[in-house]
């Protein structure tokens, strides 16, 4: 397994934080008519007050240098941070089609959950997919998100511990 693949964990994903979904919908609309693209990042549910084992999608990482137009978004893979909490991807389809293209399916192998948001970017204009491109259920969870200053608050010891899991 390469470093990039090691960044995507296999813990159960319980859902996406409501604030995170709202952020992605707003970002997709703001980027229109171009595609919006990012990587999903999770937080352990117990750190968010959820009494279950697993992860909640809490953040969207937008990679510097991502180029997008009305039909695609291209990420510079050398700019992807070494983030052990990455779970999958999220991107928009400005044409409103909420199903994966062949190009999308080629990228879905990395991570276990992939979200497509379609124009006009309302609360109902999105769908989660598994790594094979099959629609999957993703609950929206109302949780208080961690403070943003905690986003990059980790040490090498934290990274080593996560990689041992």
N, C-alpha and C. Protein backbone atom coordinates (compact mmCIF):
# COMPACT_ATOMS: atom_id res chain seq x y z
N UNK A 1 0.84 -1.16 0.00
CA UNK A 1 0.00 0.00 0.00
C UNK A 1 0.89 1.23 0.00
N UNK A 2 0.64 2.16 -0.91
CA UNK A 2 1.41 3.38 -1.00
C UNK A 2 0.99 4.39 0.04
N UNK A 3 1.78 5.44 0.20
CA UNK A 3 1.47 6.48 1.18
C UNK A 3 0.12 7.11 0.90
N UNK A 4 -0.18 7.39 -0.38
CA UNK A 4 -1.45 8.02 -0.71
C UNK A 4 -2.61 7.15 -0.27
N UNK A 5 -2.52 5.85 -0.54
CA UNK A 5 -3.59 4.93 -0.14
C UNK A 5 -3.66 4.79 1.38
N UNK A 6 -2.53 4.90 2.06
CA UNK A 6 -2.52 4.78 3.52
C UNK A 6 -3.24 5.95 4.18
N UNK A 7 -3.39 7.03 3.45
CA UNK A 7 -4.07 8.19 4.01
C UNK A 7 -5.55 7.96 4.20
N UNK A 8 -6.11 7.00 3.48
CA UNK A 8 -7.53 6.75 3.55
C UNK A 8 -7.79 5.59 4.51
N UNK A 9 -8.52 5.89 5.57
CA UNK A 9 -8.74 4.88 6.59
C UNK A 9 -9.99 4.09 6.31
N UNK A 10 -10.08 2.92 6.93
CA UNK A 10 -11.21 2.04 6.66
C UNK A 10 -12.22 2.01 7.80
N UNK A 11 -12.09 2.87 8.83
CA UNK A 11 -13.07 2.89 9.91
C UNK A 11 -14.45 3.23 9.37
N UNK A 12 -15.47 2.75 10.07
CA UNK A 12 -16.84 3.00 9.64
C UNK A 12 -17.13 4.50 9.64
N UNK A 13 -17.73 4.95 8.57
CA UNK A 13 -18.14 6.34 8.46
C UNK A 13 -19.60 6.41 8.85
N UNK A 14 -19.88 7.17 9.90
CA UNK A 14 -21.24 7.26 10.43
C UNK A 14 -22.09 8.26 9.68
N UNK A 15 -21.45 9.28 9.11
CA UNK A 15 -22.20 10.30 8.39
C UNK A 15 -21.34 11.53 8.15
N UNK A 16 -22.00 12.58 7.70
CA UNK A 16 -21.35 13.86 7.45
C UNK A 16 -21.97 14.91 8.36
N UNK A 17 -21.12 15.75 8.95
CA UNK A 17 -21.62 16.81 9.81
C UNK A 17 -22.46 17.78 8.98
N UNK A 18 -23.56 18.22 9.54
CA UNK A 18 -24.46 19.13 8.83
C UNK A 18 -23.73 20.39 8.36
N UNK A 19 -22.89 20.96 9.21
CA UNK A 19 -22.13 22.16 8.83
C UNK A 19 -21.18 21.89 7.67
N UNK A 20 -20.61 20.71 7.62
CA UNK A 20 -19.69 20.34 6.55
C UNK A 20 -20.43 20.22 5.23
N UNK A 21 -21.60 19.60 5.26
CA UNK A 21 -22.41 19.50 4.04
C UNK A 21 -22.81 20.89 3.57
N UNK A 22 -23.25 21.75 4.49
CA UNK A 22 -23.63 23.12 4.12
C UNK A 22 -22.46 23.86 3.49
N UNK A 23 -21.27 23.71 4.07
CA UNK A 23 -20.06 24.33 3.52
C UNK A 23 -19.82 23.87 2.08
N UNK A 24 -19.92 22.56 1.85
CA UNK A 24 -19.67 22.01 0.51
C UNK A 24 -20.71 22.49 -0.49
N UNK A 25 -21.98 22.56 -0.07
CA UNK A 25 -23.03 23.06 -0.96
C UNK A 25 -22.77 24.52 -1.33
N UNK A 26 -22.43 25.33 -0.33
CA UNK A 26 -22.16 26.75 -0.57
C UNK A 26 -20.92 26.94 -1.43
N UNK A 27 -19.89 26.15 -1.19
CA UNK A 27 -18.66 26.24 -1.97
C UNK A 27 -18.90 25.83 -3.42
N UNK A 28 -19.71 24.80 -3.61
CA UNK A 28 -20.04 24.35 -4.96
C UNK A 28 -20.79 25.44 -5.72
N UNK A 29 -21.73 26.07 -5.04
CA UNK A 29 -22.48 27.15 -5.68
C UNK A 29 -21.58 28.34 -6.00
N UNK A 30 -20.67 28.66 -5.08
CA UNK A 30 -19.75 29.79 -5.29
C UNK A 30 -18.78 29.53 -6.44
N UNK A 31 -18.46 28.27 -6.70
CA UNK A 31 -17.51 27.90 -7.74
C UNK A 31 -18.19 27.80 -9.11
N UNK A 32 -19.51 27.65 -9.11
CA UNK A 32 -20.28 27.51 -10.37
C UNK A 32 -19.96 28.66 -11.32
N UNK A 33 -19.74 28.44 -12.60
CA UNK A 33 -20.06 27.25 -13.38
C UNK A 33 -18.94 26.21 -13.43
N UNK A 34 -17.88 26.40 -12.65
CA UNK A 34 -16.80 25.41 -12.62
C UNK A 34 -17.08 24.36 -11.56
N UNK A 35 -16.40 23.23 -11.68
CA UNK A 35 -16.52 22.18 -10.68
C UNK A 35 -15.79 22.60 -9.40
N UNK A 36 -16.29 22.09 -8.30
CA UNK A 36 -15.66 22.25 -6.98
C UNK A 36 -15.09 20.88 -6.63
N UNK A 37 -13.92 20.86 -5.97
CA UNK A 37 -13.29 19.57 -5.65
C UNK A 37 -12.57 19.66 -4.32
N UNK A 38 -12.69 18.62 -3.53
CA UNK A 38 -11.97 18.54 -2.27
C UNK A 38 -11.92 17.11 -1.77
N UNK A 39 -11.21 16.94 -0.67
CA UNK A 39 -11.11 15.63 -0.03
C UNK A 39 -11.82 15.68 1.31
N UNK A 40 -12.49 14.60 1.65
CA UNK A 40 -13.24 14.52 2.90
C UNK A 40 -12.33 14.07 4.03
N UNK A 41 -12.51 14.71 5.17
CA UNK A 41 -11.69 14.43 6.35
C UNK A 41 -12.63 14.12 7.50
N UNK A 42 -12.24 13.17 8.34
CA UNK A 42 -13.12 12.75 9.42
C UNK A 42 -12.55 12.97 10.80
N UNK A 43 -13.44 12.96 11.76
CA UNK A 43 -13.10 13.07 13.17
C UNK A 43 -13.78 11.91 13.90
N UNK A 44 -13.09 11.35 14.88
CA UNK A 44 -13.67 10.27 15.65
C UNK A 44 -14.97 10.76 16.31
N UNK A 45 -16.01 9.95 16.19
CA UNK A 45 -17.34 10.34 16.66
C UNK A 45 -17.35 10.70 18.14
N UNK A 46 -16.60 9.96 18.95
CA UNK A 46 -16.63 10.23 20.39
C UNK A 46 -16.06 11.61 20.72
N UNK A 47 -15.17 12.13 19.87
CA UNK A 47 -14.63 13.49 20.08
C UNK A 47 -15.67 14.56 19.79
N UNK A 48 -16.77 14.15 19.12
CA UNK A 48 -17.84 15.08 18.77
C UNK A 48 -19.08 14.89 19.63
N UNK A 49 -18.97 14.03 20.63
CA UNK A 49 -20.10 13.77 21.52
C UNK A 49 -21.08 12.74 21.00
N UNK A 50 -20.70 12.00 19.97
CA UNK A 50 -21.54 10.93 19.43
C UNK A 50 -21.12 9.63 20.11
N UNK A 51 -22.09 8.95 20.72
CA UNK A 51 -21.79 7.75 21.50
C UNK A 51 -21.79 6.51 20.62
N UNK A 52 -20.90 6.50 19.62
CA UNK A 52 -20.73 5.36 18.73
C UNK A 52 -19.30 5.34 18.26
N UNK A 53 -18.81 4.16 17.90
CA UNK A 53 -17.49 4.05 17.29
C UNK A 53 -17.61 4.38 15.82
N UNK A 54 -16.64 5.09 15.30
CA UNK A 54 -16.62 5.41 13.89
C UNK A 54 -16.20 6.85 13.67
N UNK A 55 -16.34 7.28 12.43
CA UNK A 55 -15.90 8.61 12.04
C UNK A 55 -17.07 9.42 11.49
N UNK A 56 -17.00 10.72 11.72
CA UNK A 56 -17.95 11.66 11.14
C UNK A 56 -17.15 12.56 10.21
N UNK A 57 -17.64 12.74 8.99
CA UNK A 57 -16.99 13.66 8.05
C UNK A 57 -17.20 15.07 8.57
N UNK A 58 -16.08 15.75 8.85
CA UNK A 58 -16.16 17.07 9.46
C UNK A 58 -15.50 18.18 8.65
N UNK A 59 -14.68 17.81 7.67
CA UNK A 59 -13.92 18.82 6.94
C UNK A 59 -13.81 18.47 5.47
N UNK A 60 -13.60 19.51 4.68
CA UNK A 60 -13.28 19.35 3.27
C UNK A 60 -11.93 20.01 3.05
N UNK A 61 -10.97 19.22 2.57
CA UNK A 61 -9.65 19.75 2.24
C UNK A 61 -9.63 20.15 0.77
N UNK A 62 -9.35 21.40 0.51
CA UNK A 62 -9.21 21.86 -0.86
C UNK A 62 -7.71 21.96 -1.13
N UNK A 63 -7.24 21.24 -2.12
CA UNK A 63 -5.82 21.13 -2.40
C UNK A 63 -5.36 22.33 -3.23
N UNK A 64 -4.30 23.00 -2.80
CA UNK A 64 -3.76 24.13 -3.57
C UNK A 64 -3.40 23.69 -4.99
N UNK A 65 -3.68 24.56 -5.93
CA UNK A 65 -3.34 24.27 -7.32
C UNK A 65 -4.39 23.47 -8.06
N UNK A 66 -5.52 23.14 -7.40
CA UNK A 66 -6.59 22.42 -8.09
C UNK A 66 -7.11 23.30 -9.23
N UNK A 67 -7.22 22.72 -10.40
CA UNK A 67 -7.71 23.44 -11.57
C UNK A 67 -9.07 22.88 -11.93
N UNK A 68 -10.01 23.77 -12.23
CA UNK A 68 -11.34 23.28 -12.58
C UNK A 68 -11.94 24.11 -13.71
N UNK A 69 -12.86 23.45 -14.41
CA UNK A 69 -13.66 24.11 -15.42
C UNK A 69 -15.07 23.55 -15.30
N UNK A 70 -15.91 23.77 -16.29
CA UNK A 70 -17.30 23.36 -16.17
C UNK A 70 -17.51 21.85 -16.28
N UNK A 71 -16.49 21.10 -16.69
CA UNK A 71 -16.67 19.65 -16.84
C UNK A 71 -15.68 18.81 -16.05
N UNK A 72 -14.69 19.44 -15.40
CA UNK A 72 -13.74 18.63 -14.64
C UNK A 72 -13.00 19.47 -13.61
N UNK A 73 -12.40 18.76 -12.68
CA UNK A 73 -11.50 19.36 -11.70
C UNK A 73 -10.29 18.45 -11.61
N UNK A 74 -9.11 19.05 -11.66
CA UNK A 74 -7.87 18.28 -11.63
C UNK A 74 -7.07 18.70 -10.41
N UNK A 75 -6.72 17.71 -9.60
CA UNK A 75 -5.95 17.94 -8.39
C UNK A 75 -4.49 17.62 -8.67
N UNK A 76 -3.61 18.48 -8.23
CA UNK A 76 -2.17 18.20 -8.33
C UNK A 76 -1.83 17.27 -7.16
N UNK A 77 -1.62 16.00 -7.48
CA UNK A 77 -1.43 15.00 -6.42
C UNK A 77 -0.22 15.30 -5.55
N UNK A 78 0.77 15.99 -6.06
CA UNK A 78 1.93 16.31 -5.23
C UNK A 78 1.62 17.40 -4.20
N UNK A 79 0.44 17.99 -4.28
CA UNK A 79 0.03 19.01 -3.32
C UNK A 79 -0.88 18.45 -2.22
N UNK A 80 -1.27 17.18 -2.34
CA UNK A 80 -2.16 16.59 -1.34
C UNK A 80 -1.38 16.41 -0.04
N UNK A 81 -1.89 16.97 1.06
CA UNK A 81 -1.17 16.85 2.33
C UNK A 81 -1.18 15.42 2.85
N UNK A 82 -0.19 15.10 3.66
CA UNK A 82 -0.13 13.79 4.31
C UNK A 82 -1.11 13.80 5.47
N UNK A 83 -2.36 13.56 5.17
CA UNK A 83 -3.44 13.68 6.13
C UNK A 83 -4.01 12.30 6.42
N UNK A 84 -3.76 11.79 7.61
CA UNK A 84 -4.20 10.44 7.95
C UNK A 84 -5.71 10.34 8.20
N UNK A 85 -6.42 11.46 8.14
CA UNK A 85 -7.85 11.42 8.39
C UNK A 85 -8.67 11.57 7.12
N UNK A 86 -8.05 11.51 5.96
CA UNK A 86 -8.78 11.63 4.70
C UNK A 86 -9.62 10.37 4.46
N UNK A 87 -10.86 10.56 4.01
CA UNK A 87 -11.79 9.45 3.85
C UNK A 87 -12.25 9.21 2.43
N UNK A 88 -12.16 10.21 1.59
CA UNK A 88 -12.65 10.11 0.22
C UNK A 88 -12.65 11.47 -0.42
N UNK A 89 -13.58 11.68 -1.35
CA UNK A 89 -13.59 12.93 -2.10
C UNK A 89 -14.99 13.52 -2.17
N UNK A 90 -15.02 14.78 -2.57
CA UNK A 90 -16.28 15.48 -2.80
C UNK A 90 -16.06 16.42 -3.97
N UNK A 91 -17.01 16.45 -4.87
CA UNK A 91 -16.92 17.41 -5.96
C UNK A 91 -18.31 17.71 -6.50
N UNK A 92 -18.38 18.77 -7.29
CA UNK A 92 -19.67 19.17 -7.85
C UNK A 92 -19.75 18.85 -9.33
N UNK A 93 -20.98 18.73 -9.79
CA UNK A 93 -21.28 18.62 -11.21
C UNK A 93 -22.17 19.80 -11.56
N UNK A 94 -21.59 20.85 -12.16
CA UNK A 94 -22.37 22.04 -12.51
C UNK A 94 -23.55 21.75 -13.45
N UNK A 95 -23.49 20.64 -14.20
CA UNK A 95 -24.60 20.30 -15.09
C UNK A 95 -25.79 19.70 -14.34
N UNK A 96 -25.64 19.48 -13.02
CA UNK A 96 -26.73 18.97 -12.21
C UNK A 96 -26.87 17.46 -12.18
N UNK A 97 -26.09 16.74 -12.96
CA UNK A 97 -26.16 15.27 -12.99
C UNK A 97 -25.46 14.73 -11.74
N UNK A 98 -26.22 14.01 -10.93
CA UNK A 98 -25.67 13.50 -9.68
C UNK A 98 -25.39 12.00 -9.82
N UNK A 99 -24.49 11.70 -10.71
CA UNK A 99 -24.00 10.33 -10.86
C UNK A 99 -22.57 10.42 -11.35
N UNK A 100 -21.76 9.42 -11.01
CA UNK A 100 -20.34 9.49 -11.36
C UNK A 100 -20.08 9.28 -12.85
N UNK A 101 -19.19 10.08 -13.39
CA UNK A 101 -18.73 9.91 -14.76
C UNK A 101 -17.66 8.82 -14.77
N UNK A 102 -17.23 8.41 -15.95
CA UNK A 102 -16.14 7.44 -16.05
C UNK A 102 -14.87 8.00 -15.39
N UNK A 103 -14.61 9.30 -15.58
CA UNK A 103 -13.44 9.92 -14.96
C UNK A 103 -13.56 9.89 -13.44
N UNK A 104 -14.76 10.10 -12.92
CA UNK A 104 -14.98 10.03 -11.47
C UNK A 104 -14.67 8.63 -10.96
N UNK A 105 -15.18 7.63 -11.65
CA UNK A 105 -14.97 6.24 -11.22
C UNK A 105 -13.48 5.89 -11.16
N UNK A 106 -12.69 6.47 -12.07
CA UNK A 106 -11.25 6.22 -12.06
C UNK A 106 -10.59 6.74 -10.80
N UNK A 107 -11.18 7.73 -10.15
CA UNK A 107 -10.58 8.30 -8.93
C UNK A 107 -11.22 7.75 -7.66
N UNK A 108 -12.32 7.04 -7.77
CA UNK A 108 -13.04 6.57 -6.59
C UNK A 108 -12.33 5.43 -5.86
N UNK A 109 -11.29 4.86 -6.40
CA UNK A 109 -10.59 3.77 -5.73
C UNK A 109 -9.89 4.21 -4.47
N UNK A 110 -9.61 5.49 -4.34
CA UNK A 110 -8.91 6.01 -3.17
C UNK A 110 -9.93 6.59 -2.20
N UNK A 111 -10.11 5.93 -1.08
CA UNK A 111 -11.09 6.36 -0.11
C UNK A 111 -12.35 5.52 -0.21
N UNK A 112 -13.17 5.60 0.81
CA UNK A 112 -14.34 4.73 0.85
C UNK A 112 -15.65 5.45 0.59
N UNK A 113 -15.64 6.78 0.58
CA UNK A 113 -16.88 7.53 0.35
C UNK A 113 -16.59 8.70 -0.57
N UNK A 114 -17.48 8.90 -1.52
CA UNK A 114 -17.31 9.97 -2.50
C UNK A 114 -18.66 10.65 -2.68
N UNK A 115 -18.67 11.97 -2.61
CA UNK A 115 -19.90 12.74 -2.68
C UNK A 115 -19.89 13.58 -3.95
N UNK A 116 -21.00 13.54 -4.66
CA UNK A 116 -21.20 14.42 -5.82
C UNK A 116 -22.36 15.35 -5.50
N UNK A 117 -22.12 16.64 -5.72
CA UNK A 117 -23.13 17.67 -5.50
C UNK A 117 -23.51 18.23 -6.87
N UNK A 118 -24.80 18.31 -7.15
CA UNK A 118 -25.25 18.83 -8.44
C UNK A 118 -25.91 20.19 -8.32
N UNK A 119 -25.79 20.97 -9.40
CA UNK A 119 -26.51 22.24 -9.46
C UNK A 119 -28.00 21.93 -9.40
N UNK A 120 -28.79 22.73 -8.73
CA UNK A 120 -28.55 24.07 -8.20
C UNK A 120 -28.07 24.10 -6.74
N UNK A 121 -27.51 23.02 -6.25
CA UNK A 121 -26.81 22.98 -4.97
C UNK A 121 -27.72 23.18 -3.75
N UNK A 122 -28.91 22.62 -3.84
CA UNK A 122 -29.81 22.64 -2.69
C UNK A 122 -29.48 21.47 -1.77
N UNK A 123 -30.09 21.45 -0.63
CA UNK A 123 -29.83 20.42 0.37
C UNK A 123 -30.11 19.00 -0.15
N UNK A 124 -30.95 18.89 -1.16
CA UNK A 124 -31.30 17.58 -1.72
C UNK A 124 -30.49 17.24 -2.97
N UNK A 125 -29.57 18.11 -3.38
CA UNK A 125 -28.86 17.94 -4.64
C UNK A 125 -27.48 17.31 -4.46
N UNK A 126 -27.43 16.18 -3.75
CA UNK A 126 -26.15 15.49 -3.55
C UNK A 126 -26.42 14.00 -3.34
N UNK A 127 -25.37 13.22 -3.57
CA UNK A 127 -25.46 11.78 -3.36
C UNK A 127 -24.08 11.27 -3.00
N UNK A 128 -24.04 10.32 -2.07
CA UNK A 128 -22.79 9.65 -1.70
C UNK A 128 -22.68 8.36 -2.50
N UNK A 129 -21.43 8.00 -2.81
CA UNK A 129 -21.13 6.79 -3.56
C UNK A 129 -20.01 6.03 -2.87
N UNK A 130 -20.00 4.71 -3.03
CA UNK A 130 -18.89 3.93 -2.51
C UNK A 130 -17.75 3.94 -3.53
N UNK A 131 -16.68 3.24 -3.24
CA UNK A 131 -15.51 3.27 -4.12
C UNK A 131 -15.75 2.61 -5.47
N UNK A 132 -16.85 1.87 -5.60
CA UNK A 132 -17.21 1.25 -6.89
C UNK A 132 -18.16 2.13 -7.70
N UNK A 133 -18.59 3.26 -7.11
CA UNK A 133 -19.51 4.17 -7.80
C UNK A 133 -20.97 3.85 -7.58
N UNK A 134 -21.26 2.97 -6.63
CA UNK A 134 -22.65 2.63 -6.31
C UNK A 134 -23.18 3.60 -5.26
N UNK A 135 -24.41 4.09 -5.44
CA UNK A 135 -24.99 5.00 -4.44
C UNK A 135 -24.99 4.32 -3.07
N UNK A 136 -24.70 5.11 -2.05
CA UNK A 136 -24.69 4.61 -0.68
C UNK A 136 -25.33 5.66 0.22
N UNK A 137 -25.82 5.20 1.34
CA UNK A 137 -26.45 6.09 2.30
C UNK A 137 -25.38 6.81 3.12
N UNK A 138 -25.56 8.10 3.32
CA UNK A 138 -24.68 8.88 4.18
C UNK A 138 -25.56 9.80 5.00
N UNK A 139 -25.64 9.53 6.29
CA UNK A 139 -26.47 10.33 7.18
C UNK A 139 -25.88 11.71 7.38
N UNK A 140 -26.76 12.68 7.59
CA UNK A 140 -26.34 14.02 7.96
C UNK A 140 -26.50 14.11 9.48
N UNK A 141 -25.41 14.44 10.17
CA UNK A 141 -25.39 14.41 11.62
C UNK A 141 -25.19 15.82 12.16
N UNK A 142 -26.03 16.22 13.10
CA UNK A 142 -25.92 17.53 13.72
C UNK A 142 -24.98 17.43 14.92
N UNK A 143 -23.75 17.89 14.74
CA UNK A 143 -22.74 17.87 15.80
C UNK A 143 -22.05 19.22 15.85
N UNK A 144 -21.43 19.51 16.98
CA UNK A 144 -20.60 20.69 17.08
C UNK A 144 -19.22 20.34 16.56
N UNK A 145 -18.77 21.07 15.54
CA UNK A 145 -17.47 20.79 14.94
C UNK A 145 -16.34 21.30 15.82
N UNK A 146 -15.17 20.65 15.73
CA UNK A 146 -14.00 21.12 16.47
C UNK A 146 -13.60 22.52 16.00
N UNK A 147 -12.95 23.24 16.89
CA UNK A 147 -12.47 24.57 16.53
C UNK A 147 -11.47 24.46 15.39
N UNK A 148 -11.44 25.45 14.51
CA UNK A 148 -10.55 25.39 13.35
C UNK A 148 -9.08 25.37 13.72
N UNK A 149 -8.70 25.96 14.83
CA UNK A 149 -7.28 25.93 15.19
C UNK A 149 -6.83 24.51 15.53
N UNK A 150 -7.76 23.61 15.82
CA UNK A 150 -7.41 22.22 16.08
C UNK A 150 -7.20 21.43 14.79
N UNK A 151 -7.53 22.02 13.64
CA UNK A 151 -7.49 21.32 12.36
C UNK A 151 -6.12 20.72 12.08
N UNK A 152 -5.05 21.50 12.27
CA UNK A 152 -3.70 21.01 12.01
C UNK A 152 -2.94 20.79 13.31
N UNK A 153 -3.67 20.57 14.39
CA UNK A 153 -3.05 20.38 15.69
C UNK A 153 -2.74 18.90 15.90
N UNK A 154 -1.65 18.43 15.28
CA UNK A 154 -1.22 17.06 15.48
C UNK A 154 0.31 17.03 15.39
N UNK A 155 0.85 15.99 15.98
CA UNK A 155 2.31 15.84 16.01
C UNK A 155 2.70 14.60 15.21
N UNK A 156 3.99 14.41 15.04
CA UNK A 156 4.46 13.21 14.35
C UNK A 156 4.03 11.96 15.13
N UNK A 157 4.02 12.04 16.47
CA UNK A 157 3.58 10.90 17.28
C UNK A 157 2.11 10.57 16.98
N UNK A 158 1.26 11.60 16.79
CA UNK A 158 -0.14 11.37 16.44
C UNK A 158 -0.24 10.65 15.10
N UNK A 159 0.56 11.09 14.13
CA UNK A 159 0.55 10.47 12.81
C UNK A 159 0.99 9.02 12.90
N UNK A 160 2.08 8.77 13.64
CA UNK A 160 2.57 7.40 13.79
C UNK A 160 1.51 6.51 14.43
N UNK A 161 0.82 7.01 15.44
CA UNK A 161 -0.23 6.24 16.10
C UNK A 161 -1.36 5.91 15.13
N UNK A 162 -1.78 6.89 14.33
CA UNK A 162 -2.85 6.67 13.36
C UNK A 162 -2.45 5.63 12.32
N UNK A 163 -1.21 5.66 11.87
CA UNK A 163 -0.75 4.71 10.85
C UNK A 163 -0.65 3.30 11.40
N UNK A 164 -0.47 3.15 12.70
CA UNK A 164 -0.40 1.81 13.32
C UNK A 164 -1.78 1.18 13.44
N UNK A 165 -2.85 1.95 13.38
CA UNK A 165 -4.21 1.42 13.53
C UNK A 165 -4.62 0.59 12.37
